[in-house]
Amino acid sequence: MPTKPQTGKRTVWRGPRLRDLPSVDELLRSERLRRLAEEVGRPLVLAAARQVLAGLREQIRRGRSGPEFESVLAHLPEEVTGEVRELLGLSLQPVINATGVVLHTNLGRAPLGREAARGVFEVATQYSNLEFDLGKGARGRRDVHAGKFLDRLLGAEASLVVNNNAAAVLLALNTLAEGGEVVVSRGELIEIGESFRIPDIMARSGAVLREVGTTNRTRIGDYARALNKQTRLLLRVHPSNFRLEGFTARPALEELVALGRRRRLPLVEDLGSGLLVDLSGQGLAQEPLAAASLGAGVDLVTFSGDKLLGGPQAGIIAGKKKLVERCRRNPLFRALRVDKMTYAALEATLRSYLRGGLEDVPALRLIRLTAAEIGERAEALRASLEKDLAGGAALSVRAGQSVVGGGSTPGYSLPTKLLVIAAQGMSPAELAARLRRAHPPVVVRVEADRVLVDLRTVFEDQQTALAAALRQALS
C-alpha cells in the first residue's frame, strides 16, 4: 500500500507501485465479488476486474496517481462492481422530455401509443403471420398489414412501407427515373437533416437532377421548358424544415398535376412529415395533408411515419397502384423494407386514426394540449416544489412557446406555460446536467440563465418522477 511517512512537519507522498495492486484472483476472492459472480456470472466479473486493474496500472506507469489511490485500493471490489453495472447497463433508455419539443429528433421523435406498444410486444414475443396468408395457407406479402389502413385513410390505390422517408424518396426515384432526368425547383433542394440532401439522394438513386427556377421564385413555365426526352418525372418537395418569405412564388399543385398529365410524366411529392388530419387549429395550416395531395392528382407521395403521423420510424410511398408495384418489384425494396415490429406499431397507430381515436396517438394529443391545461399542471408542480425546497430555488410559471419539431412546421409555435427555475448557488448548466443524471434522465431547456420545464411533453404519469428528480437536483 502507498504510505505517507512524516519528515518533520512536511508530508511526503510515496505513490503506489504496481506491486501494491492485488492479483485478479486475489480480488475475485473477496466476499462482495464472489456474490456478484453468483449473480451475473464469473466471466463478466473477471472481465471487469481485469479492466479496473489495467486502468490502475496504466495510471501508475504514467505517474498520474495521487493520494486518492488509497481510497481506490481500499474499495476495489466496489470499483469492479460499478464496472460490471456499467457493462450491463442499457445505453438506450427512456427519458423525460421536458423541452416542449414534441417531435424531438434526438429524443426519438414520436412516442408510440399504448395500443401500438402492446402490438409490438405481442408480435415481437411470438410468431406472427408477417409473410403468411392465413386464408390461403401460403406465403403472403408483409406490406398488406399496414396497406389496408393506409389506402383507406389516404384514398390511395396502393401503398408501400420502407424504413424512413429518405429511403422512400430514394426508392421512388431509383424505380421511376434511374438514368433519366428529374425536374425539381431550385428552391426545393432542401437538406433533410444529418447532411441528407435531396440532390445527394437523387444522385444515389441514379437519376439526373434538373434544377429549374431560382431559389425564391419558380413558375410552371420553368418546369415546362426543362422537359425533354430524358425527363422521367416531376418532383415536388415540401420545405418542411424551413420557411421562405418575401418575394417568392411556386406553381400551384394543380398546375404541376396538369403538366405531368399533358406530358405523361408522373408527379412525385415528398411531403416529409406525413400529416393525416387537419391541425390548422393548432397553427399547422401550412402543412399539407397527404390525402389532399393524392386527391389533387399527385401520382405518388412519400412521407415519414414517426413525425406528424405519430407512429414508428418508417417511410411511406402511396398513390397509383402501377407505380407502387414498380417500386415493390425493385430489388432495392428488400434492402429498405421494415420488420414485423414496425408493421405492428404502424398498423395499430393507423387503426387509431381510422376509428377516430386521435387521443391514442401521443404526438397528436401533445400538440392539441392547450396552454391552460399545461399551466394547471405547472402551477401544481411549482407549489409542490416550493413547499419541499423551502427557498432553495426561485420558481415561477410564465407563458412561453412549445414547438412541434422533427423538421416540421418551421416558424410556428404552440402556446404553453413554462416552469422557470433559478437555483441558488448553482448554474443553469449544472442543474441541467444533474437532471440528465437522474433516473430516469430529465432533459430540459436552458435559456437566459434559467432552466425551463415545459410540461407539454411530460406525460402525466411521469410528473411524479420529474418532481422527484427536480427535488434531488435542487437539494
Protein backbone atom coordinates (compact mmCIF):
# COMPACT_ATOMS: atom_id res chain seq x y z
CA MET A 1 0.00 0.00 0.00
CA PRO A 2 1.21 3.55 -0.59
CA THR A 3 2.39 5.32 2.57
CA LYS A 4 2.65 8.85 3.88
CA PRO A 5 5.68 8.96 6.24
CA GLN A 6 6.29 12.14 8.26
CA THR A 7 9.51 14.11 7.71
CA GLY A 8 9.46 16.85 10.31
CA LYS A 9 6.30 18.84 9.65
CA ARG A 10 6.26 18.06 5.95
CA THR A 11 4.17 15.22 4.50
CA VAL A 12 5.88 13.31 1.70
CA TRP A 13 3.69 11.21 -0.55
CA ARG A 14 5.10 7.93 -1.77
CA GLY A 15 2.91 6.91 -4.69
CA PRO A 16 1.59 3.40 -5.17
CA ARG A 17 3.65 0.87 -7.01
CA LEU A 18 2.49 -1.87 -9.37
CA ARG A 19 3.16 -4.47 -6.69
CA ASP A 20 0.68 -2.70 -4.42
CA LEU A 21 -2.15 -3.87 -6.69
CA PRO A 22 -3.73 -7.25 -5.92
CA SER A 23 -3.84 -10.00 -8.49
CA VAL A 24 -7.07 -10.70 -10.34
CA ASP A 25 -7.56 -13.99 -8.47
CA GLU A 26 -6.98 -12.30 -5.12
CA LEU A 27 -9.51 -9.62 -5.97
CA LEU A 28 -12.13 -12.13 -7.09
CA ARG A 29 -11.84 -13.97 -3.75
CA SER A 30 -13.41 -11.01 -1.95
CA GLU A 31 -16.84 -11.76 -0.49
CA ARG A 32 -18.54 -8.99 -2.47
CA LEU A 33 -17.22 -10.16 -5.85
CA ARG A 34 -17.91 -13.82 -5.08
CA ARG A 35 -21.58 -12.90 -4.50
CA LEU A 36 -21.58 -10.76 -7.64
CA ALA A 37 -20.15 -13.66 -9.70
CA GLU A 38 -23.01 -15.87 -8.49
CA GLU A 39 -25.47 -13.19 -9.61
CA VAL A 40 -24.15 -12.27 -13.06
CA GLY A 41 -21.58 -14.98 -13.85
CA ARG A 42 -17.84 -15.23 -13.23
CA PRO A 43 -16.72 -14.32 -16.81
CA LEU A 44 -18.31 -10.87 -16.63
CA VAL A 45 -16.85 -10.15 -13.17
CA LEU A 46 -13.45 -11.43 -14.31
CA ALA A 47 -13.50 -9.11 -17.34
CA ALA A 48 -14.47 -6.14 -15.18
CA ALA A 49 -11.73 -6.87 -12.62
CA ARG A 50 -9.11 -7.08 -15.33
CA GLN A 51 -10.32 -3.80 -16.82
CA VAL A 52 -10.21 -1.96 -13.48
CA LEU A 53 -6.74 -3.25 -12.62
CA ALA A 54 -5.42 -2.49 -16.12
CA GLY A 55 -6.63 1.08 -15.75
CA LEU A 56 -4.88 1.48 -12.40
CA ARG A 57 -1.64 0.01 -13.75
CA GLU A 58 -1.67 2.45 -16.65
CA GLN A 59 -2.15 5.41 -14.29
CA ILE A 60 0.73 4.26 -12.11
CA ARG A 61 3.03 3.83 -15.12
CA ARG A 62 2.18 7.36 -16.30
CA GLY A 63 2.78 8.79 -12.84
CA ARG A 64 -0.77 10.14 -12.67
CA SER A 65 -1.68 8.52 -9.35
CA GLY A 66 -2.10 10.51 -6.18
CA PRO A 67 -3.32 10.24 -2.59
CA GLU A 68 -6.78 9.28 -3.81
CA PHE A 69 -5.34 5.89 -4.72
CA GLU A 70 -5.60 4.83 -1.07
CA SER A 71 -9.35 5.15 -1.31
CA VAL A 72 -9.48 3.40 -4.67
CA LEU A 73 -7.33 0.49 -3.50
CA ALA A 74 -9.38 0.14 -0.34
CA HIS A 75 -12.58 -0.11 -2.38
CA LEU A 76 -11.53 -2.19 -5.37
CA PRO A 77 -14.48 -4.63 -5.06
CA GLU A 78 -16.82 -1.64 -5.25
CA GLU A 79 -14.93 -0.34 -8.30
CA VAL A 80 -15.30 -3.71 -10.03
CA THR A 81 -18.98 -3.87 -9.08
CA GLY A 82 -19.50 -0.45 -10.62
CA GLU A 83 -17.75 -1.57 -13.80
CA VAL A 84 -20.00 -4.65 -14.02
CA ARG A 85 -23.11 -2.49 -13.61
CA GLU A 86 -21.78 -0.20 -16.32
CA LEU A 87 -21.19 -3.13 -18.67
CA LEU A 88 -24.70 -4.45 -18.04
CA GLY A 89 -26.39 -1.08 -18.29
CA LEU A 90 -28.53 -0.38 -21.36
CA SER A 91 -27.40 2.57 -23.42
CA LEU A 92 -30.83 3.22 -24.95
CA GLN A 93 -33.22 4.17 -22.17
CA PRO A 94 -36.40 6.17 -21.56
CA VAL A 95 -36.01 9.86 -20.70
CA ILE A 96 -38.42 12.55 -19.54
CA ASN A 97 -38.68 15.14 -22.30
CA ALA A 98 -39.31 18.47 -20.55
CA THR A 99 -38.18 20.58 -23.52
CA GLY A 100 -41.59 21.17 -25.07
CA VAL A 101 -40.36 19.86 -28.44
CA VAL A 102 -43.00 17.30 -29.38
CA LEU A 103 -41.12 15.54 -32.19
CA HIS A 104 -37.64 15.79 -30.71
CA THR A 105 -35.34 14.05 -33.19
CA ASN A 106 -32.60 13.50 -30.57
CA LEU A 107 -35.11 12.02 -28.13
CA GLY A 108 -36.70 9.52 -30.52
CA ARG A 109 -39.33 11.70 -32.24
CA ALA A 110 -42.91 10.46 -31.84
CA PRO A 111 -43.62 8.29 -28.79
CA LEU A 112 -45.86 5.33 -29.51
CA GLY A 113 -49.34 4.96 -28.07
CA ARG A 114 -50.15 2.15 -25.67
CA GLU A 115 -52.03 0.14 -28.30
CA ALA A 116 -49.09 0.40 -30.67
CA ALA A 117 -46.64 -0.63 -27.94
CA ARG A 118 -48.88 -3.55 -27.00
CA GLY A 119 -49.00 -4.63 -30.63
CA VAL A 120 -45.20 -4.55 -30.84
CA PHE A 121 -44.88 -6.63 -27.67
CA GLU A 122 -47.32 -9.29 -28.83
CA VAL A 123 -45.79 -9.63 -32.29
CA ALA A 124 -42.19 -9.49 -31.04
CA THR A 125 -42.60 -12.19 -28.39
CA GLN A 126 -44.49 -14.70 -30.56
CA TYR A 127 -44.57 -16.00 -34.10
CA SER A 128 -46.72 -13.98 -36.49
CA ASN A 129 -48.25 -14.09 -39.96
CA LEU A 130 -45.77 -11.48 -41.21
CA GLU A 131 -45.48 -13.09 -44.66
CA PHE A 132 -48.11 -15.82 -44.40
CA ASP A 133 -51.61 -15.69 -45.86
CA LEU A 134 -53.78 -17.40 -43.25
CA GLY A 135 -56.70 -17.74 -45.66
CA LYS A 136 -54.75 -19.45 -48.42
CA GLY A 137 -52.27 -21.23 -46.18
CA ALA A 138 -49.44 -19.98 -48.38
CA ARG A 139 -46.77 -17.34 -48.46
CA GLY A 140 -48.10 -13.78 -48.36
CA ARG A 141 -46.74 -10.22 -48.52
CA ARG A 142 -45.76 -8.27 -45.42
CA ASP A 143 -46.98 -4.89 -46.65
CA VAL A 144 -50.65 -5.93 -46.64
CA HIS A 145 -50.81 -5.40 -42.90
CA ALA A 146 -50.44 -1.61 -42.95
CA GLY A 147 -51.58 -1.24 -46.55
CA LYS A 148 -55.28 -1.72 -45.90
CA PHE A 149 -55.27 1.16 -43.39
CA LEU A 150 -53.05 3.46 -45.45
CA ASP A 151 -55.06 3.02 -48.63
CA ARG A 152 -58.33 3.81 -46.88
CA LEU A 153 -57.01 6.80 -44.92
CA LEU A 154 -55.22 8.31 -47.91
CA GLY A 155 -57.60 7.37 -50.70
CA ALA A 156 -54.62 5.69 -52.40
CA GLU A 157 -54.74 2.81 -54.84
CA ALA A 158 -51.74 1.18 -53.15
CA SER A 159 -49.01 1.86 -50.61
CA LEU A 160 -45.63 0.60 -49.51
CA VAL A 161 -43.60 0.92 -46.29
CA VAL A 162 -39.82 1.29 -46.05
CA ASN A 163 -37.52 2.22 -43.18
CA ASN A 164 -37.68 6.05 -43.41
CA ASN A 165 -38.74 8.86 -45.73
CA ALA A 166 -35.27 9.28 -47.23
CA ALA A 167 -35.49 5.61 -48.25
CA ALA A 168 -38.96 6.20 -49.70
CA VAL A 169 -37.67 9.06 -51.87
CA LEU A 170 -34.62 7.03 -52.88
CA LEU A 171 -36.72 4.01 -53.88
CA ALA A 172 -39.23 6.07 -55.85
CA LEU A 173 -36.55 7.97 -57.76
CA ASN A 174 -34.47 4.88 -58.47
CA THR A 175 -37.53 2.98 -59.70
CA LEU A 176 -39.06 5.66 -61.86
CA ALA A 177 -36.13 7.79 -63.01
CA GLU A 178 -32.84 5.86 -62.96
CA GLY A 179 -30.74 7.03 -65.90
CA GLY A 180 -33.14 9.86 -66.70
CA GLU A 181 -33.81 13.40 -65.53
CA VAL A 182 -35.91 14.56 -62.60
CA VAL A 183 -37.17 18.13 -62.77
CA VAL A 184 -37.31 19.95 -59.43
CA SER A 185 -37.42 23.57 -58.33
CA ARG A 186 -34.12 25.03 -57.17
CA GLY A 187 -35.91 26.35 -54.10
CA GLU A 188 -36.86 22.82 -53.02
CA LEU A 189 -33.38 21.29 -52.91
CA ILE A 190 -33.51 21.02 -49.14
CA GLU A 191 -31.32 19.31 -46.58
CA ILE A 192 -33.43 16.92 -44.53
CA GLY A 193 -31.04 16.52 -41.60
CA GLU A 194 -27.72 14.87 -40.72
CA SER A 195 -26.46 16.12 -44.13
CA PHE A 196 -29.05 14.11 -46.11
CA ARG A 197 -29.73 16.39 -49.04
CA ILE A 198 -32.23 15.95 -51.85
CA PRO A 199 -29.51 16.31 -54.56
CA ASP A 200 -27.41 13.64 -52.84
CA ILE A 201 -30.33 11.23 -52.55
CA MET A 202 -31.15 11.87 -56.19
CA ALA A 203 -27.56 11.13 -57.23
CA ARG A 204 -27.59 7.84 -55.29
CA SER A 205 -30.85 6.89 -56.99
CA GLY A 206 -29.17 7.06 -60.39
CA ALA A 207 -31.40 9.93 -61.54
CA VAL A 208 -30.07 13.17 -63.00
CA LEU A 209 -31.06 16.40 -61.27
CA ARG A 210 -32.58 19.07 -63.50
CA GLU A 211 -32.94 22.29 -61.50
CA VAL A 212 -35.43 24.92 -62.62
CA GLY A 213 -36.34 28.40 -61.45
CA THR A 214 -34.50 30.31 -58.75
CA THR A 215 -34.14 29.92 -55.01
CA ASN A 216 -37.18 32.07 -54.26
CA ARG A 217 -39.30 32.01 -57.45
CA THR A 218 -40.20 29.14 -59.74
CA ARG A 219 -43.07 29.18 -62.27
CA ILE A 220 -44.83 26.42 -64.16
CA GLY A 221 -43.18 27.65 -67.35
CA ASP A 222 -39.77 26.86 -65.86
CA TYR A 223 -40.82 23.23 -65.47
CA ALA A 224 -42.31 23.08 -68.98
CA ARG A 225 -39.20 24.45 -70.67
CA ALA A 226 -36.97 21.93 -68.89
CA LEU A 227 -38.81 18.86 -70.20
CA ASN A 228 -37.06 16.76 -72.83
CA LYS A 229 -36.72 13.17 -74.00
CA GLN A 230 -34.66 12.31 -70.93
CA THR A 231 -37.24 13.56 -68.43
CA ARG A 232 -38.68 10.75 -66.30
CA LEU A 233 -40.69 12.55 -63.62
CA LEU A 234 -41.57 15.82 -61.91
CA LEU A 235 -40.59 16.12 -58.25
CA ARG A 236 -42.16 18.49 -55.74
CA VAL A 237 -40.60 18.73 -52.27
CA HIS A 238 -42.42 20.29 -49.34
CA PRO A 239 -39.99 22.59 -47.45
CA SER A 240 -40.92 21.08 -44.10
CA ASN A 241 -37.83 22.26 -42.19
CA PHE A 242 -37.59 25.90 -43.32
CA ARG A 243 -39.80 28.74 -44.48
CA LEU A 244 -39.13 31.15 -47.34
CA GLU A 245 -40.80 34.55 -47.10
CA GLY A 246 -40.92 37.74 -49.14
CA PHE A 247 -40.64 37.83 -52.94
CA THR A 248 -41.49 34.17 -53.56
CA ALA A 249 -43.52 32.05 -55.96
CA ARG A 250 -44.08 28.37 -56.72
CA PRO A 251 -46.58 26.71 -59.06
CA ALA A 252 -49.88 25.52 -57.61
CA LEU A 253 -50.05 21.78 -57.17
CA GLU A 254 -52.84 21.61 -59.74
CA GLU A 255 -50.57 23.23 -62.35
CA LEU A 256 -47.91 20.57 -61.86
CA VAL A 257 -50.53 17.82 -62.00
CA ALA A 258 -51.85 19.20 -65.30
CA LEU A 259 -48.33 19.49 -66.77
CA GLY A 260 -47.49 15.93 -65.78
CA ARG A 261 -50.64 14.58 -67.38
CA ARG A 262 -50.12 16.51 -70.61
CA ARG A 263 -46.59 15.17 -70.96
CA ARG A 264 -47.40 11.74 -69.48
CA LEU A 265 -44.89 12.17 -66.66
CA PRO A 266 -45.52 11.03 -63.09
CA LEU A 267 -45.58 13.70 -60.39
CA VAL A 268 -43.98 12.63 -57.09
CA GLU A 269 -44.39 14.79 -53.98
CA ASP A 270 -42.16 14.40 -50.94
CA LEU A 271 -44.36 15.61 -48.08
CA GLY A 272 -41.85 14.94 -45.33
CA SER A 273 -43.90 14.95 -42.13
CA GLY A 274 -46.93 12.84 -43.07
CA LEU A 275 -49.89 14.82 -41.73
CA LEU A 276 -53.09 12.76 -41.93
CA VAL A 277 -55.56 15.03 -40.08
CA ASP A 278 -56.29 18.74 -40.12
CA LEU A 279 -54.28 20.56 -37.42
CA SER A 280 -54.86 24.09 -38.70
CA GLY A 281 -56.40 24.94 -35.33
CA GLN A 282 -53.01 24.31 -33.77
CA GLY A 283 -51.18 26.58 -36.24
CA LEU A 284 -50.23 23.91 -38.78
CA ALA A 285 -52.28 25.30 -41.65
CA GLN A 286 -49.26 25.33 -43.99
CA GLU A 287 -48.57 21.62 -43.52
CA PRO A 288 -50.15 19.69 -46.44
CA LEU A 289 -52.41 16.71 -45.88
CA ALA A 290 -51.22 13.54 -47.61
CA ALA A 291 -54.76 12.65 -48.73
CA ALA A 292 -55.25 16.14 -50.18
CA SER A 293 -52.17 15.79 -52.39
CA LEU A 294 -53.36 12.45 -53.75
CA GLY A 295 -56.83 13.87 -54.20
CA ALA A 296 -55.37 16.73 -56.26
CA GLY A 297 -53.87 14.21 -58.68
CA VAL A 298 -50.32 13.61 -57.43
CA ASP A 299 -49.20 10.19 -58.64
CA LEU A 300 -47.03 9.25 -55.64
CA VAL A 301 -46.50 10.83 -52.24
CA THR A 302 -43.77 9.97 -49.73
CA PHE A 303 -43.68 10.87 -46.04
CA SER A 304 -42.42 9.80 -42.60
CA GLY A 305 -44.15 7.53 -40.13
CA ASP A 306 -42.61 8.95 -36.96
CA LYS A 307 -43.30 12.65 -37.39
CA LEU A 308 -46.78 14.14 -37.60
CA LEU A 309 -48.27 10.73 -38.29
CA GLY A 310 -47.15 9.81 -34.76
CA GLY A 311 -46.07 6.22 -35.40
CA PRO A 312 -42.77 4.31 -35.62
CA GLN A 313 -39.82 5.27 -37.80
CA ALA A 314 -40.89 4.42 -41.34
CA GLY A 315 -41.14 5.85 -44.83
CA ILE A 316 -44.39 5.54 -46.75
CA ILE A 317 -44.98 5.54 -50.51
CA ALA A 318 -48.61 5.82 -51.59
CA GLY A 319 -50.51 6.56 -54.78
CA LYS A 320 -51.08 4.94 -58.16
CA LYS A 321 -51.04 1.16 -58.00
CA LYS A 322 -48.92 0.62 -61.12
CA LEU A 323 -46.19 2.92 -59.76
CA VAL A 324 -46.26 1.40 -56.26
CA GLU A 325 -46.00 -2.06 -57.79
CA ARG A 326 -42.95 -0.98 -59.77
CA CYS A 327 -41.35 0.20 -56.51
CA ARG A 328 -42.21 -3.08 -54.84
CA ARG A 329 -40.54 -5.08 -57.64
CA ASN A 330 -37.33 -3.05 -57.34
CA PRO A 331 -34.58 -5.21 -55.74
CA LEU A 332 -33.71 -2.18 -53.62
CA PHE A 333 -37.03 -2.58 -51.80
CA ARG A 334 -35.79 -5.69 -49.99
CA ALA A 335 -32.86 -3.72 -48.56
CA LEU A 336 -35.18 -0.94 -47.36
CA ARG A 337 -38.18 -2.88 -46.04
CA VAL A 338 -39.23 -2.83 -42.39
CA ASP A 339 -39.58 -5.59 -39.81
CA LYS A 340 -42.57 -7.08 -38.01
CA MET A 341 -42.34 -4.71 -35.04
CA THR A 342 -42.53 -1.64 -37.27
CA TYR A 343 -45.58 -3.04 -39.04
CA ALA A 344 -47.24 -3.84 -35.72
CA ALA A 345 -46.70 -0.31 -34.39
CA LEU A 346 -47.71 1.36 -37.66
CA GLU A 347 -50.83 -0.77 -38.07
CA ALA A 348 -52.03 -0.01 -34.53
CA THR A 349 -51.35 3.72 -34.99
CA LEU A 350 -53.24 3.83 -38.29
CA ARG A 351 -56.14 1.93 -36.74
CA SER A 352 -56.45 4.70 -34.15
CA TYR A 353 -56.85 7.19 -36.99
CA LEU A 354 -59.42 5.06 -38.76
CA ARG A 355 -61.65 4.77 -35.71
CA GLY A 356 -61.22 8.44 -34.78
CA GLY A 357 -59.13 7.77 -31.67
CA LEU A 358 -56.68 10.63 -32.11
CA GLU A 359 -56.17 10.85 -28.35
CA ASP A 360 -54.49 7.44 -28.62
CA VAL A 361 -51.72 8.96 -30.78
CA PRO A 362 -49.42 10.70 -28.25
CA ALA A 363 -47.87 13.19 -30.70
CA LEU A 364 -51.30 14.47 -31.74
CA ARG A 365 -52.52 14.59 -28.15
CA LEU A 366 -49.50 16.64 -27.06
CA ILE A 367 -49.83 19.05 -29.98
CA ARG A 368 -53.50 19.62 -29.15
CA LEU A 369 -52.93 20.43 -25.45
CA THR A 370 -53.86 23.99 -24.51
CA ALA A 371 -51.71 26.42 -22.57
CA ALA A 372 -54.35 26.47 -19.83
CA GLU A 373 -54.16 22.69 -19.35
CA ILE A 374 -50.37 22.80 -19.19
CA GLY A 375 -50.47 25.82 -16.86
CA GLU A 376 -52.58 23.98 -14.25
CA ARG A 377 -50.02 21.19 -14.06
CA ALA A 378 -47.10 23.65 -13.97
CA GLU A 379 -48.66 25.59 -11.06
CA ALA A 380 -49.25 22.37 -9.13
CA LEU A 381 -45.63 21.31 -9.67
CA ARG A 382 -44.34 24.74 -8.62
CA ALA A 383 -46.37 24.71 -5.40
CA SER A 384 -45.18 21.21 -4.54
CA LEU A 385 -41.52 22.07 -5.11
CA GLU A 386 -41.68 25.36 -3.19
CA LYS A 387 -43.14 23.56 -0.19
CA ASP A 388 -40.38 20.93 -0.16
CA LEU A 389 -37.38 23.11 -1.09
CA ALA A 390 -38.07 25.89 1.41
CA GLY A 391 -36.49 28.67 -0.63
CA GLY A 392 -33.69 26.70 -2.27
CA ALA A 393 -34.69 27.98 -5.70
CA ALA A 394 -36.76 30.73 -7.26
CA LEU A 395 -39.71 29.15 -9.08
CA SER A 396 -42.29 30.80 -11.32
CA VAL A 397 -44.71 29.95 -14.10
CA ARG A 398 -44.90 32.12 -17.21
CA ALA A 399 -46.21 32.00 -20.76
CA GLY A 400 -43.92 30.50 -23.39
CA GLN A 401 -43.77 28.57 -26.62
CA SER A 402 -43.51 24.89 -27.48
CA VAL A 403 -42.59 23.65 -30.95
CA VAL A 404 -43.65 20.64 -32.99
CA GLY A 405 -40.05 19.84 -34.05
CA GLY A 406 -38.87 16.93 -36.15
CA GLY A 407 -38.30 19.16 -39.17
CA SER A 408 -41.99 20.13 -39.20
CA THR A 409 -43.85 23.45 -39.24
CA PRO A 410 -40.90 25.88 -39.31
CA GLY A 411 -41.70 29.28 -37.84
CA TYR A 412 -44.77 28.03 -35.99
CA SER A 413 -45.07 27.50 -32.25
CA LEU A 414 -47.62 26.27 -29.74
CA PRO A 415 -48.62 28.48 -26.77
CA THR A 416 -47.63 26.88 -23.46
CA LYS A 417 -46.82 27.62 -19.81
CA LEU A 418 -43.27 27.13 -18.56
CA LEU A 419 -41.97 26.35 -15.09
CA VAL A 420 -38.96 28.67 -14.70
CA ILE A 421 -36.24 27.63 -12.22
CA ALA A 422 -33.37 29.73 -10.90
CA ALA A 423 -31.35 27.64 -8.43
CA GLN A 424 -29.39 29.29 -5.64
CA GLY A 425 -25.63 28.64 -5.84
CA MET A 426 -25.92 26.56 -8.97
CA SER A 427 -25.65 27.49 -12.64
CA PRO A 428 -28.44 26.51 -15.05
CA ALA A 429 -25.95 24.29 -16.90
CA GLU A 430 -25.10 22.41 -13.70
CA LEU A 431 -28.78 21.95 -12.82
CA ALA A 432 -29.49 20.67 -16.34
CA ALA A 433 -26.55 18.25 -16.02
CA ARG A 434 -27.82 16.98 -12.66
CA LEU A 435 -31.24 16.36 -14.18
CA ARG A 436 -29.70 14.38 -17.03
CA ARG A 437 -28.07 12.13 -14.42
CA ALA A 438 -31.41 11.41 -12.73
CA HIS A 439 -33.25 8.09 -13.01
CA PRO A 440 -34.93 8.38 -15.43
CA PRO A 441 -32.90 11.20 -17.02
CA VAL A 442 -34.68 14.53 -17.46
CA VAL A 443 -33.92 16.80 -20.44
CA VAL A 444 -34.83 20.49 -20.06
CA ARG A 445 -34.29 23.79 -21.86
CA VAL A 446 -31.79 26.41 -20.68
CA GLU A 447 -32.47 30.00 -21.75
CA ALA A 448 -31.31 33.35 -20.35
CA ASP A 449 -29.69 31.84 -17.24
CA ARG A 450 -32.84 29.93 -16.33
CA VAL A 451 -33.91 26.31 -16.55
CA LEU A 452 -37.25 25.96 -18.33
CA VAL A 453 -39.55 22.98 -17.86
CA ASP A 454 -42.33 22.58 -20.44
CA LEU A 455 -44.88 20.02 -19.31
CA ARG A 456 -46.42 19.74 -22.77
CA THR A 457 -44.04 16.87 -23.49
CA VAL A 458 -44.07 15.36 -19.99
CA PHE A 459 -46.69 12.64 -19.70
CA GLU A 460 -48.89 12.87 -16.63
CA ASP A 461 -47.67 9.54 -15.30
CA GLN A 462 -44.09 10.92 -15.48
CA GLN A 463 -44.79 14.01 -13.39
CA THR A 464 -44.10 12.31 -10.05
CA ALA A 465 -40.70 11.13 -11.29
CA LEU A 466 -39.99 14.61 -12.69
CA ALA A 467 -40.79 16.23 -9.35
CA ALA A 468 -38.51 13.76 -7.54
CA ALA A 469 -35.67 14.45 -9.98
CA LEU A 470 -36.08 18.24 -9.52
CA ARG A 471 -36.09 17.92 -5.71
CA GLN A 472 -32.96 15.77 -5.77
CA ALA A 473 -31.13 18.05 -8.19
CA LEU A 474 -32.03 21.22 -6.28
CA SER A 475 -31.44 19.90 -2.77
